[in-house]
Protein backbone atom coordinates (compact mmCIF):
# COMPACT_ATOMS: atom_id res chain seq x y z
CA MET A 1 0.00 0.00 0.00
CA ARG A 2 2.87 2.35 0.78
CA HIS A 3 4.26 1.78 -2.70
CA VAL A 4 0.96 2.82 -4.30
CA ALA A 5 0.84 5.96 -2.14
CA VAL A 6 4.39 6.92 -3.11
CA SER A 7 3.62 6.21 -6.75
CA PHE A 8 0.51 8.39 -6.52
CA VAL A 9 2.46 11.28 -4.99
CA VAL A 10 5.12 11.02 -7.72
CA ALA A 11 2.45 10.95 -10.43
CA PHE A 12 0.61 13.89 -8.84
CA ILE A 13 3.79 15.98 -8.63
CA GLY A 14 4.72 15.00 -12.20
CA LEU A 15 1.28 15.91 -13.53
CA THR A 16 1.16 19.28 -11.81
CA ALA A 17 4.73 20.03 -12.91
CA MET A 18 3.77 19.06 -16.47
CA ALA A 19 0.84 21.49 -16.35
CA TRP A 20 3.09 24.23 -15.01
CA VAL A 21 5.91 23.69 -17.55
CA VAL A 22 4.09 22.75 -20.77
CA PRO A 23 2.06 25.50 -22.43
CA GLY A 24 -1.33 24.19 -23.53
CA ILE A 25 -1.92 21.94 -20.51
CA HIS A 26 -4.10 23.44 -17.80
CA ILE A 27 -5.31 21.94 -14.51
CA ARG A 28 -7.98 23.94 -12.69
CA ASP A 29 -7.50 22.77 -9.09
CA PHE A 30 -6.30 20.09 -6.69
CA GLU A 31 -9.32 17.83 -7.19
CA ALA A 32 -8.92 17.92 -10.97
CA ALA A 33 -5.26 16.93 -10.61
CA VAL A 34 -6.14 14.00 -8.32
CA LEU A 35 -8.81 12.80 -10.76
CA ALA A 36 -6.40 13.24 -13.68
CA VAL A 37 -3.82 10.98 -12.00
CA LEU A 38 -6.49 8.31 -11.45
CA VAL A 39 -7.66 8.57 -15.07
CA PHE A 40 -4.03 8.47 -16.25
CA TRP A 41 -3.47 5.28 -14.24
CA ALA A 42 -6.70 3.69 -15.48
CA LEU A 43 -5.94 4.39 -19.14
CA ASN A 44 -2.41 3.04 -18.78
CA LEU A 45 -3.72 0.03 -16.89
CA PHE A 46 -6.03 -0.95 -19.74
CA PHE A 47 -4.19 0.14 -22.90
CA ARG A 48 -0.51 -0.51 -22.14
CA PRO A 49 -0.76 -4.31 -21.62
CA VAL A 50 -2.85 -4.68 -24.78
CA ALA A 51 -0.36 -2.67 -26.82
CA LEU A 52 2.58 -4.62 -25.42
CA ALA A 53 0.89 -7.95 -26.09
CA LEU A 54 0.13 -6.95 -29.67
CA PHE A 55 3.50 -5.48 -30.61
CA ALA A 56 6.07 -7.28 -28.42
CA PRO A 57 6.23 -10.35 -30.68
CA ILE A 58 6.94 -8.14 -33.68
CA SER A 59 9.76 -5.82 -32.63
CA THR A 60 11.27 -4.12 -29.60
CA ALA A 61 11.61 -0.89 -31.57
CA LEU A 62 7.91 -1.05 -32.41
CA VAL A 63 7.07 -1.52 -28.72
CA VAL A 64 9.06 1.62 -27.88
CA LEU A 65 7.35 3.61 -30.64
CA VAL A 66 3.88 2.38 -29.67
CA SER A 67 4.59 3.16 -25.99
CA LEU A 68 5.54 6.73 -26.87
CA VAL A 69 2.46 7.20 -29.04
CA LEU A 70 0.27 5.64 -26.35
CA GLN A 71 1.66 8.03 -23.74
CA VAL A 72 0.74 11.01 -25.97
CA VAL A 73 -2.76 9.61 -26.55
CA VAL A 74 -3.33 8.98 -22.84
CA ILE A 75 -2.27 12.52 -21.93
CA PHE A 76 -4.40 13.95 -24.74
CA LEU A 77 -7.42 11.96 -23.48
CA LEU A 78 -7.07 13.48 -20.01
CA GLY A 79 -8.68 16.65 -21.41
CA PRO A 80 -12.03 15.23 -22.50
CA LEU A 81 -12.19 12.57 -19.77
CA THR A 82 -11.25 14.69 -16.75
CA PRO A 83 -13.28 17.74 -15.70
CA GLY A 84 -10.96 20.63 -14.86
CA VAL A 85 -8.15 19.47 -17.15
CA ASP A 86 -7.66 21.10 -20.55
CA ILE A 87 -5.20 19.86 -23.16
CA ASP A 88 -5.15 22.38 -26.01
CA ASP A 89 -3.76 20.16 -28.77
CA VAL A 90 -1.76 17.05 -29.60
CA GLY A 91 1.45 19.10 -29.54
CA ALA A 92 0.88 19.94 -25.88
CA ALA A 93 0.19 16.25 -25.17
CA PHE A 94 3.39 15.32 -27.01
CA TRP A 95 5.54 17.67 -24.94
CA GLY A 96 3.65 16.65 -21.82
CA SER A 97 4.45 13.02 -22.50
CA TRP A 98 8.14 13.83 -22.34
CA SER A 99 7.80 15.68 -19.05
CA MET A 100 5.34 13.38 -17.25
CA PRO A 101 6.92 10.43 -15.47
CA SER A 102 5.27 7.18 -16.37
CA SER A 103 4.57 6.27 -12.80
CA THR A 104 1.90 3.66 -12.57
CA PRO A 105 0.96 1.76 -9.48
CA CYS A 106 2.49 -1.67 -9.49
CA SER A 107 3.01 -4.52 -7.17
CA PRO A 108 5.38 -4.01 -4.26
CA ARG A 109 7.19 -7.03 -5.65
CA CYS A 110 9.47 -6.67 -8.60
CA SER A 111 7.71 -5.92 -11.88
CA ARG A 112 10.51 -7.37 -13.99
CA SER A 113 10.99 -11.00 -14.77
CA PRO A 114 12.58 -13.29 -12.18
CA THR A 115 16.32 -13.70 -12.35
CA THR A 116 17.84 -16.77 -13.90
CA THR A 117 21.31 -18.16 -14.09
CA PRO A 118 22.57 -20.31 -16.96
CA THR A 119 22.37 -23.45 -14.80
CA SER A 120 19.17 -22.78 -12.87
CA ALA A 121 15.48 -22.38 -13.43
CA PRO A 122 13.82 -19.00 -12.87
CA SER A 123 13.73 -18.07 -9.23
CA SER A 124 10.62 -16.51 -7.77
CA ASP A 125 12.58 -15.47 -4.67
CA ALA A 126 14.70 -12.85 -6.40
CA CYS A 127 13.92 -9.93 -8.65
CA ALA A 128 15.99 -8.73 -11.57
CA CYS A 129 15.62 -5.14 -10.44
CA SER A 130 16.02 -5.16 -6.68
CA GLY A 131 17.30 -8.46 -5.39
CA PRO A 132 15.37 -10.60 -2.91
CA THR A 133 11.70 -9.94 -2.34
CA ARG A 134 10.24 -9.03 1.06
CA SER A 135 9.15 -12.60 1.76
CA THR A 136 12.68 -13.85 1.08
CA ARG A 137 14.17 -11.26 3.41
CA ARG A 138 11.67 -12.24 6.14
CA ASN A 139 12.55 -15.91 5.75
CA GLN A 140 16.27 -15.15 5.88
CA ALA A 141 15.85 -13.12 9.08
CA SER A 142 14.15 -16.03 10.88
């Protein structure tokens, strides 16, 4: 739960900074910014996995390109979907996509694939990004 709260704060700060820095992106008030973060998360939650599933088998470069385009589309859709948020045009969404961190709530466990060694099967006790998981550390402390 703490991870989601931290992720929300980072996304909120990133969104308000984006609105302050990028001309053409306007957020009316605090409530609109909170709702915009939730809409941003929801759109990324639904569209990103579909896009990755469709384009990952084709090309890594295509996945990167589709991810960038998807980020622009999601930011552009914040305008019509979120009361109190105005995105003037696609250009503002494009520049906003470069300034907005892509912070989405994820599991407190590692979001990358489990680590493997050439002689072992994948291990669910270790993460490629941060080492042992919480449950592994608890078991080691006992």
